[in-house]
Amino acid sequence: MLNALYHSVDPIAFSVGPVKIYWYGIAYVVGAALVGVIMHRTQRRWDLNISDDELYCVTFAAVLGLLIGARLFYIVFYGDGYYFSHPAEILSRAGMSFHGGLVGGIVGGYLACRKLNLSAWTIADLAATGVPAALFLGRCANFVNGELWGKPTDLPWGVVFGGAAGNVARHPSQLYEAGLEGIVLLAILYILSRRRPALPQGTYIGVFVFGYGIARFIVEFVRVPDAQLGYLFANVVTMGQILSLPLIAIGACLIAFALRARRPQRKRMRA
């Protein structure tokens, strides 16, 4: 405890009259903008000539799908049935699930690609190169909020979050995820995206899905599970790990399929 760090970050960035602006909300907005910028720069390296308007439309649709999917997955998989009997509290209390956000973002982006006649595989690959940057900001915002903390630890970088987390040093699991899901995955995808010619369609989204699943599965070992669910099996396995296993399998299959099919990156959908 003597060497522990004490969490004292205000989750409110600033206030304008009665309106409070939270770091978490800022992370969402800046993260979406960063993804758009990285997608733009990557598509230029790949010589795709996708317009800014097309990228803005796809990004907006994907973010909208992400928000809807993240909330729905939380209600179904993490709510333990509470929100089915208290629907009025969905907007005010329900959290967000990354796994649901991923599914919702893919659906929203796909529908926008269909509307604009863009190749959904190529757009997914472009998005995969930028999403880790948004994940990094989101996990940092989780840390600022003092939520999703880890198990007790004696390590020198343990953090005392206080409140429901108690007066005990814990793993800053939010920062572990920011490092693995954000920095490490961003670096890997950035290096791969600079290959000329670009890797086949589906490779980058496969690497992202596979890498995120691995990172999340690992960090869950030191992260405290949601109180309403606890551990699901053997006092070890969490819902986050259960939902990450399909991502690992899907990501591996996407990579294998992409490398075997060898479809080049292209702007428009095939007829």
C-alpha atoms as a PDB file:
ATOM      1  CA  MET A   1       0.000   0.000   0.000  1.00  0.00           C
ATOM      2  CA  LEU A   2       2.873   2.387   0.698  1.00  0.00           C
ATOM      3  CA  ASN A   3       4.040   2.150  -2.918  1.00  0.00           C
ATOM      4  CA  ALA A   4       0.564   2.153  -4.466  1.00  0.00           C
ATOM      5  CA  LEU A   5      -0.645   4.887  -6.781  1.00  0.00           C
ATOM      6  CA  TYR A   6      -3.922   6.586  -5.866  1.00  0.00           C
ATOM      7  CA  HIS A   7      -6.462   7.279  -8.585  1.00  0.00           C
ATOM      8  CA  SER A   8      -7.539  10.912  -8.411  1.00  0.00           C
ATOM      9  CA  VAL A   9      -8.426  11.804 -12.025  1.00  0.00           C
ATOM     10  CA  ASP A  10     -11.664  13.726 -12.553  1.00  0.00           C
ATOM     11  CA  PRO A  11     -13.801  12.005 -15.241  1.00  0.00           C
ATOM     12  CA  ILE A  12     -15.289  15.417 -16.133  1.00  0.00           C
ATOM     13  CA  ALA A  13     -13.070  17.248 -18.616  1.00  0.00           C
ATOM     14  CA  PHE A  14     -14.889  20.584 -18.308  1.00  0.00           C
ATOM     15  CA  SER A  15     -18.338  22.088 -17.778  1.00  0.00           C
ATOM     16  CA  VAL A  16     -20.308  24.617 -19.790  1.00  0.00           C
ATOM     17  CA  GLY A  17     -23.011  25.881 -17.457  1.00  0.00           C
ATOM     18  CA  PRO A  18     -25.071  22.848 -16.399  1.00  0.00           C
ATOM     19  CA  VAL A  19     -23.605  20.710 -19.215  1.00  0.00           C
ATOM     20  CA  LYS A  20     -20.737  18.420 -18.220  1.00  0.00           C
ATOM     21  CA  ILE A  21     -18.316  17.110 -20.823  1.00  0.00           C
ATOM     22  CA  TYR A  22     -16.718  13.788 -19.861  1.00  0.00           C
ATOM     23  CA  TRP A  23     -13.372  12.441 -20.998  1.00  0.00           C
ATOM     24  CA  TYR A  24     -15.167   9.251 -22.043  1.00  0.00           C
ATOM     25  CA  GLY A  25     -17.318  11.144 -24.522  1.00  0.00           C
ATOM     26  CA  ILE A  26     -14.308  13.031 -25.826  1.00  0.00           C
ATOM     27  CA  ALA A  27     -12.517   9.709 -26.328  1.00  0.00           C
ATOM     28  CA  TYR A  28     -15.380   8.475 -28.536  1.00  0.00           C
ATOM     29  CA  VAL A  29     -15.393  11.616 -30.693  1.00  0.00           C
ATOM     30  CA  VAL A  30     -11.616  11.919 -31.047  1.00  0.00           C
ATOM     31  CA  GLY A  31     -11.303   8.158 -31.557  1.00  0.00           C
ATOM     32  CA  ALA A  32     -13.799   8.186 -34.445  1.00  0.00           C
ATOM     33  CA  ALA A  33     -11.965  11.133 -36.019  1.00  0.00           C
ATOM     34  CA  LEU A  34      -8.615   9.343 -35.680  1.00  0.00           C
ATOM     35  CA  VAL A  35      -9.987   6.226 -37.349  1.00  0.00           C
ATOM     36  CA  GLY A  36     -11.215   8.365 -40.258  1.00  0.00           C
ATOM     37  CA  VAL A  37      -7.815  10.061 -40.625  1.00  0.00           C
ATOM     38  CA  ILE A  38      -5.903   6.766 -40.539  1.00  0.00           C
ATOM     39  CA  MET A  39      -8.308   5.221 -43.060  1.00  0.00           C
ATOM     40  CA  HIS A  40      -7.781   8.214 -45.367  1.00  0.00           C
ATOM     41  CA  ARG A  41      -3.990   8.014 -45.177  1.00  0.00           C
ATOM     42  CA  THR A  42      -3.985   4.242 -45.623  1.00  0.00           C
ATOM     43  CA  GLN A  43      -6.232   4.271 -48.674  1.00  0.00           C
ATOM     44  CA  ARG A  44      -3.910   6.833 -50.269  1.00  0.00           C
ATOM     45  CA  ARG A  45      -0.960   4.475 -49.738  1.00  0.00           C
ATOM     46  CA  TRP A  46      -3.029   1.712 -51.344  1.00  0.00           C
ATOM     47  CA  ASP A  47      -3.961   3.987 -54.297  1.00  0.00           C
ATOM     48  CA  LEU A  48      -7.697   3.409 -53.837  1.00  0.00           C
ATOM     49  CA  ASN A  49      -8.860   6.987 -54.477  1.00  0.00           C
ATOM     50  CA  ILE A  50     -11.819   6.766 -52.095  1.00  0.00           C
ATOM     51  CA  SER A  51     -13.332  10.224 -51.540  1.00  0.00           C
ATOM     52  CA  ASP A  52     -13.471  11.913 -48.138  1.00  0.00           C
ATOM     53  CA  ASP A  53     -17.269  12.063 -48.353  1.00  0.00           C
ATOM     54  CA  GLU A  54     -17.430   8.296 -48.820  1.00  0.00           C
ATOM     55  CA  LEU A  55     -15.141   7.719 -45.846  1.00  0.00           C
ATOM     56  CA  TYR A  56     -17.170  10.126 -43.658  1.00  0.00           C
ATOM     57  CA  CYS A  57     -20.407   8.341 -44.564  1.00  0.00           C
ATOM     58  CA  VAL A  58     -18.980   4.879 -43.809  1.00  0.00           C
ATOM     59  CA  THR A  59     -17.390   6.071 -40.560  1.00  0.00           C
ATOM     60  CA  PHE A  60     -20.633   7.670 -39.366  1.00  0.00           C
ATOM     61  CA  ALA A  61     -22.655   4.537 -40.169  1.00  0.00           C
ATOM     62  CA  ALA A  62     -20.095   2.313 -38.450  1.00  0.00           C
ATOM     63  CA  VAL A  63     -20.029   4.487 -35.309  1.00  0.00           C
ATOM     64  CA  LEU A  64     -23.828   4.508 -35.163  1.00  0.00           C
ATOM     65  CA  GLY A  65     -23.895   0.723 -35.498  1.00  0.00           C
ATOM     66  CA  LEU A  66     -21.161   0.463 -32.880  1.00  0.00           C
ATOM     67  CA  LEU A  67     -23.156   2.443 -30.310  1.00  0.00           C
ATOM     68  CA  ILE A  68     -26.313   0.402 -30.895  1.00  0.00           C
ATOM     69  CA  GLY A  69     -24.512  -2.946 -30.925  1.00  0.00           C
ATOM     70  CA  ALA A  70     -22.410  -2.172 -27.854  1.00  0.00           C
ATOM     71  CA  ARG A  71     -25.476  -1.284 -25.804  1.00  0.00           C
ATOM     72  CA  LEU A  72     -27.519  -4.271 -27.015  1.00  0.00           C
ATOM     73  CA  PHE A  73     -24.753  -6.778 -26.274  1.00  0.00           C
ATOM     74  CA  TYR A  74     -24.287  -5.343 -22.798  1.00  0.00           C
ATOM     75  CA  ILE A  75     -28.000  -5.703 -22.086  1.00  0.00           C
ATOM     76  CA  VAL A  76     -28.137  -9.294 -23.373  1.00  0.00           C
ATOM     77  CA  PHE A  77     -24.815 -10.717 -22.164  1.00  0.00           C
ATOM     78  CA  TYR A  78     -23.884  -8.573 -19.167  1.00  0.00           C
ATOM     79  CA  GLY A  79     -27.204  -7.294 -17.837  1.00  0.00           C
ATOM     80  CA  ASP A  80     -28.184 -10.620 -16.222  1.00  0.00           C
ATOM     81  CA  GLY A  81     -31.811  -9.979 -17.259  1.00  0.00           C
ATOM     82  CA  TYR A  82     -32.068  -6.732 -15.262  1.00  0.00           C
ATOM     83  CA  TYR A  83     -32.796  -4.440 -18.210  1.00  0.00           C
ATOM     84  CA  PHE A  84     -35.501  -6.679 -19.621  1.00  0.00           C
ATOM     85  CA  SER A  85     -37.574  -5.882 -16.531  1.00  0.00           C
ATOM     86  CA  HIS A  86     -36.283  -2.282 -16.238  1.00  0.00           C
ATOM     87  CA  PRO A  87     -36.194  -1.002 -19.856  1.00  0.00           C
ATOM     88  CA  ALA A  88     -36.497   2.632 -18.721  1.00  0.00           C
ATOM     89  CA  GLU A  89     -32.964   2.389 -17.281  1.00  0.00           C
ATOM     90  CA  ILE A  90     -31.278   1.203 -20.486  1.00  0.00           C
ATOM     91  CA  LEU A  91     -30.123   4.669 -21.564  1.00  0.00           C
ATOM     92  CA  SER A  92     -29.165   5.879 -18.088  1.00  0.00           C
ATOM     93  CA  ARG A  93     -27.455   2.802 -16.578  1.00  0.00           C
ATOM     94  CA  ALA A  94     -26.594   0.162 -19.192  1.00  0.00           C
ATOM     95  CA  GLY A  95     -22.938  -0.082 -20.144  1.00  0.00           C
ATOM     96  CA  MET A  96     -21.188  -0.803 -23.434  1.00  0.00           C
ATOM     97  CA  SER A  97     -19.742  -4.074 -24.743  1.00  0.00           C
ATOM     98  CA  PHE A  98     -16.835  -3.976 -27.182  1.00  0.00           C
ATOM     99  CA  HIS A  99     -17.858  -7.294 -28.731  1.00  0.00           C
ATOM    100  CA  GLY A 100     -21.297  -5.849 -29.492  1.00  0.00           C
ATOM    101  CA  GLY A 101     -19.714  -2.648 -30.745  1.00  0.00           C
ATOM    102  CA  LEU A 102     -17.590  -4.658 -33.173  1.00  0.00           C
ATOM    103  CA  VAL A 103     -20.608  -6.517 -34.551  1.00  0.00           C
ATOM    104  CA  GLY A 104     -22.693  -3.333 -34.762  1.00  0.00           C
ATOM    105  CA  GLY A 105     -19.866  -1.396 -36.392  1.00  0.00           C
ATOM    106  CA  ILE A 106     -19.380  -4.084 -39.023  1.00  0.00           C
ATOM    107  CA  VAL A 107     -23.115  -4.176 -39.803  1.00  0.00           C
ATOM    108  CA  GLY A 108     -23.368  -0.375 -39.999  1.00  0.00           C
ATOM    109  CA  GLY A 109     -20.255  -0.104 -42.161  1.00  0.00           C
ATOM    110  CA  TYR A 110     -21.424  -2.903 -44.449  1.00  0.00           C
ATOM    111  CA  LEU A 111     -24.796  -1.247 -45.063  1.00  0.00           C
ATOM    112  CA  ALA A 112     -23.041   2.014 -45.926  1.00  0.00           C
ATOM    113  CA  CYS A 113     -20.706   0.175 -48.298  1.00  0.00           C
ATOM    114  CA  ARG A 114     -23.683  -1.398 -50.052  1.00  0.00           C
ATOM    115  CA  LYS A 115     -25.281   2.007 -50.450  1.00  0.00           C
ATOM    116  CA  LEU A 116     -22.096   3.576 -51.839  1.00  0.00           C
ATOM    117  CA  ASN A 117     -21.044   0.497 -53.858  1.00  0.00           C
ATOM    118  CA  LEU A 118     -17.743   0.305 -51.955  1.00  0.00           C
ATOM    119  CA  SER A 119     -15.906  -2.943 -51.323  1.00  0.00           C
ATOM    120  CA  ALA A 120     -16.874  -3.966 -47.800  1.00  0.00           C
ATOM    121  CA  TRP A 121     -13.740  -6.101 -47.433  1.00  0.00           C
ATOM    122  CA  THR A 122     -11.417  -3.241 -48.338  1.00  0.00           C
ATOM    123  CA  ILE A 123     -13.259  -0.779 -46.098  1.00  0.00           C
ATOM    124  CA  ALA A 124     -13.092  -3.289 -43.227  1.00  0.00           C
ATOM    125  CA  ASP A 125      -9.347  -3.612 -43.783  1.00  0.00           C
ATOM    126  CA  LEU A 126      -8.950   0.166 -43.797  1.00  0.00           C
ATOM    127  CA  ALA A 127     -10.970   0.487 -40.586  1.00  0.00           C
ATOM    128  CA  ALA A 128      -8.915  -2.246 -38.915  1.00  0.00           C
ATOM    129  CA  THR A 129      -5.747  -0.184 -39.348  1.00  0.00           C
ATOM    130  CA  GLY A 130      -7.300   2.697 -37.374  1.00  0.00           C
ATOM    131  CA  VAL A 131      -9.610   1.174 -34.773  1.00  0.00           C
ATOM    132  CA  PRO A 132      -6.776   0.310 -32.330  1.00  0.00           C
ATOM    133  CA  ALA A 133      -6.129   4.053 -31.934  1.00  0.00           C
ATOM    134  CA  ALA A 134      -9.738   4.535 -30.832  1.00  0.00           C
ATOM    135  CA  LEU A 135      -9.474   1.538 -28.509  1.00  0.00           C
ATOM    136  CA  PHE A 136      -6.411   3.084 -26.875  1.00  0.00           C
ATOM    137  CA  LEU A 137      -8.330   6.283 -26.113  1.00  0.00           C
ATOM    138  CA  GLY A 138     -11.367   4.351 -24.918  1.00  0.00           C
ATOM    139  CA  ARG A 139      -9.379   2.240 -22.460  1.00  0.00           C
ATOM    140  CA  CYS A 140      -7.580   5.339 -21.168  1.00  0.00           C
ATOM    141  CA  ALA A 141     -11.026   6.867 -20.616  1.00  0.00           C
ATOM    142  CA  ASN A 142     -12.030   3.738 -18.672  1.00  0.00           C
ATOM    143  CA  PHE A 143      -9.026   4.368 -16.437  1.00  0.00           C
ATOM    144  CA  VAL A 144      -9.979   8.014 -15.989  1.00  0.00           C
ATOM    145  CA  ASN A 145     -13.494   6.919 -14.995  1.00  0.00           C
ATOM    146  CA  GLY A 146     -12.029   4.499 -12.430  1.00  0.00           C
ATOM    147  CA  GLU A 147     -13.998   1.576 -13.892  1.00  0.00           C
ATOM    148  CA  LEU A 148     -13.215  -1.935 -15.136  1.00  0.00           C
ATOM    149  CA  TRP A 149     -10.369  -2.247 -12.635  1.00  0.00           C
ATOM    150  CA  GLY A 150      -8.260  -5.328 -12.063  1.00  0.00           C
ATOM    151  CA  LYS A 151      -7.637  -7.762  -9.247  1.00  0.00           C
ATOM    152  CA  PRO A 152      -5.623  -6.822  -6.130  1.00  0.00           C
ATOM    153  CA  THR A 153      -1.871  -6.742  -6.664  1.00  0.00           C
ATOM    154  CA  ASP A 154       1.374  -6.090  -4.790  1.00  0.00           C
ATOM    155  CA  LEU A 155       3.151  -4.838  -7.915  1.00  0.00           C
ATOM    156  CA  PRO A 156       4.613  -1.314  -7.654  1.00  0.00           C
ATOM    157  CA  TRP A 157       2.269   0.061 -10.326  1.00  0.00           C
ATOM    158  CA  GLY A 158      -0.881  -1.090  -8.514  1.00  0.00           C
ATOM    159  CA  VAL A 159      -3.562   1.611  -8.323  1.00  0.00           C
ATOM    160  CA  VAL A 160      -5.995   2.317  -5.484  1.00  0.00           C
ATOM    161  CA  PHE A 161      -9.261   3.300  -7.171  1.00  0.00           C
ATOM    162  CA  GLY A 162     -11.327   3.712  -3.994  1.00  0.00           C
ATOM    163  CA  GLY A 163     -15.119   3.634  -3.999  1.00  0.00           C
ATOM    164  CA  ALA A 164     -16.539   0.238  -4.912  1.00  0.00           C
ATOM    165  CA  ALA A 165     -13.003  -1.002  -5.647  1.00  0.00           C
ATOM    166  CA  GLY A 166     -12.071  -0.518  -2.004  1.00  0.00           C
ATOM    167  CA  ASN A 167      -8.891   0.859  -0.478  1.00  0.00           C
ATOM    168  CA  VAL A 168      -6.656  -1.779  -2.037  1.00  0.00           C
ATOM    169  CA  ALA A 169      -4.066  -1.594  -4.827  1.00  0.00           C
ATOM    170  CA  ARG A 170      -5.299  -3.226  -8.037  1.00  0.00           C
ATOM    171  CA  HIS A 171      -4.009  -4.013 -11.500  1.00  0.00           C
ATOM    172  CA  PRO A 172      -4.694  -1.051 -13.812  1.00  0.00           C
ATOM    173  CA  SER A 173      -6.197  -3.516 -16.290  1.00  0.00           C
ATOM    174  CA  GLN A 174      -7.608  -0.635 -18.355  1.00  0.00           C
ATOM    175  CA  LEU A 175      -4.046   0.454 -19.157  1.00  0.00           C
ATOM    176  CA  TYR A 176      -2.991  -3.119 -19.908  1.00  0.00           C
ATOM    177  CA  GLU A 177      -5.769  -3.239 -22.499  1.00  0.00           C
ATOM    178  CA  ALA A 178      -4.826   0.203 -23.821  1.00  0.00           C
ATOM    179  CA  GLY A 179      -1.317  -1.115 -24.395  1.00  0.00           C
ATOM    180  CA  LEU A 180      -2.217  -4.458 -25.980  1.00  0.00           C
ATOM    181  CA  GLU A 181      -5.444  -3.612 -27.861  1.00  0.00           C
ATOM    182  CA  GLY A 182      -4.262  -0.121 -28.687  1.00  0.00           C
ATOM    183  CA  ILE A 183      -0.521   0.451 -29.021  1.00  0.00           C
ATOM    184  CA  VAL A 184       0.664  -3.079 -29.872  1.00  0.00           C
ATOM    185  CA  LEU A 185      -2.170  -3.865 -32.301  1.00  0.00           C
ATOM    186  CA  LEU A 186      -1.892  -0.411 -33.911  1.00  0.00           C
ATOM    187  CA  ALA A 187       1.847  -0.891 -34.467  1.00  0.00           C
ATOM    188  CA  ILE A 188       1.366  -4.350 -36.002  1.00  0.00           C
ATOM    189  CA  LEU A 189      -1.358  -3.190 -38.380  1.00  0.00           C
ATOM    190  CA  TYR A 190       0.559  -0.012 -39.283  1.00  0.00           C
ATOM    191  CA  ILE A 191       3.607  -2.060 -40.286  1.00  0.00           C
ATOM    192  CA  LEU A 192       1.458  -4.479 -42.309  1.00  0.00           C
ATOM    193  CA  SER A 193      -0.436  -1.622 -43.983  1.00  0.00           C
ATOM    194  CA  ARG A 194       2.814  -0.198 -45.373  1.00  0.00           C
ATOM    195  CA  ARG A 195       3.552  -3.326 -47.398  1.00  0.00           C
ATOM    196  CA  ARG A 196       3.454  -2.785 -51.144  1.00  0.00           C
ATOM    197  CA  PRO A 197       1.364  -4.132 -52.648  1.00  0.00           C
ATOM    198  CA  ALA A 198      -1.177  -4.242 -49.841  1.00  0.00           C
ATOM    199  CA  LEU A 199      -1.981  -7.649 -48.391  1.00  0.00           C
ATOM    200  CA  PRO A 200      -5.076  -9.433 -49.795  1.00  0.00           C
ATOM    201  CA  GLN A 201      -8.587  -8.322 -48.854  1.00  0.00           C
ATOM    202  CA  GLY A 202      -9.621  -9.507 -45.397  1.00  0.00           C
ATOM    203  CA  THR A 203      -6.114  -9.890 -44.008  1.00  0.00           C
ATOM    204  CA  TYR A 204      -6.084  -6.714 -41.923  1.00  0.00           C
ATOM    205  CA  ILE A 205      -9.536  -7.160 -40.390  1.00  0.00           C
ATOM    206  CA  GLY A 206      -8.571 -10.761 -39.660  1.00  0.00           C
ATOM    207  CA  VAL A 207      -5.384  -9.669 -37.868  1.00  0.00           C
ATOM    208  CA  PHE A 208      -7.348  -7.092 -35.881  1.00  0.00           C
ATOM    209  CA  VAL A 209     -10.106  -9.476 -34.786  1.00  0.00           C
ATOM    210  CA  PHE A 210      -7.603 -12.223 -33.927  1.00  0.00           C
ATOM    211  CA  GLY A 211      -5.280  -9.830 -32.079  1.00  0.00           C
ATOM    212  CA  TYR A 212      -8.059  -8.199 -30.086  1.00  0.00           C
ATOM    213  CA  GLY A 213      -9.466 -11.576 -29.064  1.00  0.00           C
ATOM    214  CA  ILE A 214      -6.052 -12.727 -27.813  1.00  0.00           C
ATOM    215  CA  ALA A 215      -5.356  -9.458 -25.960  1.00  0.00           C
ATOM    216  CA  ARG A 216      -8.764  -9.350 -24.285  1.00  0.00           C
ATOM    217  CA  PHE A 217      -8.616 -13.018 -23.299  1.00  0.00           C
ATOM    218  CA  ILE A 218      -5.238 -12.496 -21.605  1.00  0.00           C
ATOM    219  CA  VAL A 219      -6.139  -9.320 -19.710  1.00  0.00           C
ATOM    220  CA  GLU A 220      -9.345 -10.894 -18.393  1.00  0.00           C
ATOM    221  CA  PHE A 221      -7.179 -13.048 -16.111  1.00  0.00           C
ATOM    222  CA  VAL A 222      -6.287  -9.951 -14.051  1.00  0.00           C
ATOM    223  CA  ARG A 223      -9.509  -7.984 -14.581  1.00  0.00           C
ATOM    224  CA  VAL A 224     -12.401  -8.197 -12.127  1.00  0.00           C
ATOM    225  CA  PRO A 225     -15.530  -9.562 -13.877  1.00  0.00           C
ATOM    226  CA  ASP A 226     -18.815  -7.674 -13.861  1.00  0.00           C
ATOM    227  CA  ALA A 227     -20.343  -7.906 -10.386  1.00  0.00           C
ATOM    228  CA  GLN A 228     -23.735  -9.112 -11.628  1.00  0.00           C
ATOM    229  CA  LEU A 229     -22.143 -12.061 -13.470  1.00  0.00           C
ATOM    230  CA  GLY A 230     -18.942 -12.953 -11.640  1.00  0.00           C
ATOM    231  CA  TYR A 231     -16.939 -15.917 -12.921  1.00  0.00           C
ATOM    232  CA  LEU A 232     -18.796 -18.351 -15.146  1.00  0.00           C
ATOM    233  CA  PHE A 233     -16.638 -21.484 -14.749  1.00  0.00           C
ATOM    234  CA  ALA A 234     -14.073 -22.743 -12.234  1.00  0.00           C
ATOM    235  CA  ASN A 235     -13.811 -19.316 -10.601  1.00  0.00           C
ATOM    236  CA  VAL A 236     -11.632 -18.227 -13.523  1.00  0.00           C
ATOM    237  CA  VAL A 237     -13.503 -17.900 -16.836  1.00  0.00           C
ATOM    238  CA  THR A 238     -15.343 -14.621 -17.463  1.00  0.00           C
ATOM    239  CA  MET A 239     -17.968 -13.522 -19.968  1.00  0.00           C
ATOM    240  CA  GLY A 240     -15.321 -11.394 -21.671  1.00  0.00           C
ATOM    241  CA  GLN A 241     -13.244 -14.516 -22.313  1.00  0.00           C
ATOM    242  CA  ILE A 242     -16.252 -16.487 -23.556  1.00  0.00           C
ATOM    243  CA  LEU A 243     -17.024 -13.731 -26.078  1.00  0.00           C
ATOM    244  CA  SER A 244     -13.361 -13.448 -27.085  1.00  0.00           C
ATOM    245  CA  LEU A 245     -12.977 -17.102 -28.085  1.00  0.00           C
ATOM    246  CA  PRO A 246     -15.188 -16.744 -31.204  1.00  0.00           C
ATOM    247  CA  LEU A 247     -13.188 -13.637 -32.183  1.00  0.00           C
ATOM    248  CA  ILE A 248      -9.932 -15.600 -32.048  1.00  0.00           C
ATOM    249  CA  ALA A 249     -11.414 -18.376 -34.200  1.00  0.00           C
ATOM    250  CA  ILE A 250     -13.051 -15.959 -36.669  1.00  0.00           C
ATOM    251  CA  GLY A 251      -9.897 -13.872 -36.956  1.00  0.00           C
ATOM    252  CA  ALA A 252      -7.756 -16.941 -37.707  1.00  0.00           C
ATOM    253  CA  CYS A 253     -10.261 -18.100 -40.338  1.00  0.00           C
ATOM    254  CA  LEU A 254     -10.358 -14.647 -41.954  1.00  0.00           C
ATOM    255  CA  ILE A 255      -6.567 -14.551 -42.237  1.00  0.00           C
ATOM    256  CA  ALA A 256      -6.405 -18.064 -43.708  1.00  0.00           C
ATOM    257  CA  PHE A 257      -9.233 -17.356 -46.173  1.00  0.00           C
ATOM    258  CA  ALA A 258      -7.733 -14.011 -47.244  1.00  0.00           C
ATOM    259  CA  LEU A 259      -4.270 -15.416 -47.883  1.00  0.00           C
ATOM    260  CA  ARG A 260      -5.718 -18.337 -49.815  1.00  0.00           C
ATOM    261  CA  ALA A 261      -8.152 -16.272 -51.922  1.00  0.00           C
ATOM    262  CA  ARG A 262      -5.543 -13.551 -52.588  1.00  0.00           C
ATOM    263  CA  ARG A 263      -8.111 -10.943 -53.639  1.00  0.00           C
ATOM    264  CA  PRO A 264      -6.392  -7.582 -54.168  1.00  0.00           C
ATOM    265  CA  GLN A 265      -7.600  -4.463 -52.395  1.00  0.00           C
ATOM    266  CA  ARG A 266     -10.064  -2.594 -54.585  1.00  0.00           C
ATOM    267  CA  LYS A 267     -12.384   0.388 -54.261  1.00  0.00           C
ATOM    268  CA  ARG A 268     -15.657  -0.924 -55.637  1.00  0.00           C
ATOM    269  CA  MET A 269     -17.711  -4.021 -54.986  1.00  0.00           C
ATOM    270  CA  ARG A 270     -17.588  -6.803 -57.513  1.00  0.00           C
ATOM    271  CA  ALA A 271     -20.725  -7.221 -59.583  1.00  0.00           C
END
